[in-house]
């Protein structure tokens, strides 16, 4: 079993944060052109995450970890 490098893990965390940010923005935008751009960006982030994790990506765990990080910062 191949283990992930720390750089890959860092990149996955960063992309997961970006994914959450884009989902939040998409949820609250009413402008069609802006929505399309956000959807395209979100697709790219998810695609990159899939490639980095070879399709094995535990979204729920990652989001829980990010939530815990946010709570620690505040």
C-alpha atoms as a PDB file:
ATOM      1  CA  UNK A   1       0.000   0.000   0.000  1.00  0.00           C
ATOM      2  CA  UNK A   2       1.400   3.361  -1.031  1.00  0.00           C
ATOM      3  CA  UNK A   3       1.282   6.087   1.606  1.00  0.00           C
ATOM      4  CA  UNK A   4       0.683   9.734   0.821  1.00  0.00           C
ATOM      5  CA  UNK A   5       3.420  12.268   1.209  1.00  0.00           C
ATOM      6  CA  UNK A   6       2.914  15.182   3.570  1.00  0.00           C
ATOM      7  CA  UNK A   7       2.792  17.493   0.547  1.00  0.00           C
ATOM      8  CA  UNK A   8      -0.068  15.483  -0.958  1.00  0.00           C
ATOM      9  CA  UNK A   9      -1.930  15.540   2.350  1.00  0.00           C
ATOM     10  CA  UNK A  10      -1.434  19.309   2.572  1.00  0.00           C
ATOM     11  CA  UNK A  11      -2.707  19.735  -0.974  1.00  0.00           C
ATOM     12  CA  UNK A  12      -5.780  17.579  -0.218  1.00  0.00           C
ATOM     13  CA  UNK A  13      -6.558  19.689   2.864  1.00  0.00           C
ATOM     14  CA  UNK A  14      -6.187  22.884   0.837  1.00  0.00           C
ATOM     15  CA  UNK A  15      -8.411  21.586  -1.956  1.00  0.00           C
ATOM     16  CA  UNK A  16     -11.006  20.397   0.544  1.00  0.00           C
ATOM     17  CA  UNK A  17     -11.123  23.883   2.061  1.00  0.00           C
ATOM     18  CA  UNK A  18     -11.545  25.339  -1.425  1.00  0.00           C
ATOM     19  CA  UNK A  19     -14.312  22.837  -2.187  1.00  0.00           C
ATOM     20  CA  UNK A  20     -16.216  23.841   0.936  1.00  0.00           C
ATOM     21  CA  UNK A  21     -15.735  27.540   0.158  1.00  0.00           C
ATOM     22  CA  UNK A  22     -17.050  27.078  -3.377  1.00  0.00           C
ATOM     23  CA  UNK A  23     -20.032  25.056  -2.174  1.00  0.00           C
ATOM     24  CA  UNK A  24     -20.889  27.810   0.299  1.00  0.00           C
ATOM     25  CA  UNK A  25     -20.587  30.515  -2.357  1.00  0.00           C
ATOM     26  CA  UNK A  26     -22.667  28.494  -4.793  1.00  0.00           C
ATOM     27  CA  UNK A  27     -25.373  28.010  -2.206  1.00  0.00           C
ATOM     28  CA  UNK A  28     -25.822  31.749  -1.683  1.00  0.00           C
ATOM     29  CA  UNK A  29     -25.340  33.160  -5.179  1.00  0.00           C
ATOM     30  CA  UNK A  30     -28.300  34.153  -7.317  1.00  0.00           C
ATOM     31  CA  UNK A  31     -26.432  35.243 -10.442  1.00  0.00           C
ATOM     32  CA  UNK A  32     -26.524  32.596 -13.209  1.00  0.00           C
ATOM     33  CA  UNK A  33     -23.138  33.449 -14.744  1.00  0.00           C
ATOM     34  CA  UNK A  34     -21.475  33.437 -11.337  1.00  0.00           C
ATOM     35  CA  UNK A  35     -23.148  30.114 -10.491  1.00  0.00           C
ATOM     36  CA  UNK A  36     -21.828  28.527 -13.694  1.00  0.00           C
ATOM     37  CA  UNK A  37     -18.274  29.695 -12.935  1.00  0.00           C
ATOM     38  CA  UNK A  38     -18.506  28.381  -9.357  1.00  0.00           C
ATOM     39  CA  UNK A  39     -19.857  25.038 -10.587  1.00  0.00           C
ATOM     40  CA  UNK A  40     -16.967  24.755 -13.054  1.00  0.00           C
ATOM     41  CA  UNK A  41     -14.421  25.609 -10.352  1.00  0.00           C
ATOM     42  CA  UNK A  42     -16.032  23.131  -7.964  1.00  0.00           C
ATOM     43  CA  UNK A  43     -15.884  20.396 -10.608  1.00  0.00           C
ATOM     44  CA  UNK A  44     -12.161  21.058 -11.131  1.00  0.00           C
ATOM     45  CA  UNK A  45     -11.447  20.908  -7.392  1.00  0.00           C
ATOM     46  CA  UNK A  46     -13.367  17.639  -6.989  1.00  0.00           C
ATOM     47  CA  UNK A  47     -11.647  16.174 -10.052  1.00  0.00           C
ATOM     48  CA  UNK A  48      -8.226  17.086  -8.695  1.00  0.00           C
ATOM     49  CA  UNK A  49      -9.105  15.568  -5.312  1.00  0.00           C
ATOM     50  CA  UNK A  50     -10.145  12.343  -7.033  1.00  0.00           C
ATOM     51  CA  UNK A  51      -6.866  12.239  -8.947  1.00  0.00           C
ATOM     52  CA  UNK A  52      -4.782  12.886  -5.836  1.00  0.00           C
ATOM     53  CA  UNK A  53      -6.563  10.207  -3.844  1.00  0.00           C
ATOM     54  CA  UNK A  54      -7.069   7.716  -6.687  1.00  0.00           C
ATOM     55  CA  UNK A  55     -10.815   7.974  -6.174  1.00  0.00           C
ATOM     56  CA  UNK A  56     -10.568   6.985  -2.520  1.00  0.00           C
ATOM     57  CA  UNK A  57     -11.579  10.108  -0.727  1.00  0.00           C
ATOM     58  CA  UNK A  58     -13.445  10.131   2.552  1.00  0.00           C
ATOM     59  CA  UNK A  59     -15.278  13.425   2.236  1.00  0.00           C
ATOM     60  CA  UNK A  60     -17.062  13.190   5.585  1.00  0.00           C
ATOM     61  CA  UNK A  61     -13.823  12.638   7.510  1.00  0.00           C
ATOM     62  CA  UNK A  62     -12.069  15.467   5.678  1.00  0.00           C
ATOM     63  CA  UNK A  63     -14.899  17.904   6.356  1.00  0.00           C
ATOM     64  CA  UNK A  64     -14.974  16.921  10.023  1.00  0.00           C
ATOM     65  CA  UNK A  65     -11.234  17.539  10.273  1.00  0.00           C
ATOM     66  CA  UNK A  66     -11.611  20.932   8.602  1.00  0.00           C
ATOM     67  CA  UNK A  67     -14.463  21.860  10.935  1.00  0.00           C
ATOM     68  CA  UNK A  68     -12.308  20.943  13.924  1.00  0.00           C
ATOM     69  CA  UNK A  69      -9.466  23.100  12.544  1.00  0.00           C
ATOM     70  CA  UNK A  70     -11.839  26.052  12.107  1.00  0.00           C
ATOM     71  CA  UNK A  71     -13.122  25.705  15.649  1.00  0.00           C
ATOM     72  CA  UNK A  72      -9.582  25.667  17.008  1.00  0.00           C
ATOM     73  CA  UNK A  73      -8.779  28.907  15.171  1.00  0.00           C
ATOM     74  CA  UNK A  74     -11.754  30.727  16.701  1.00  0.00           C
END
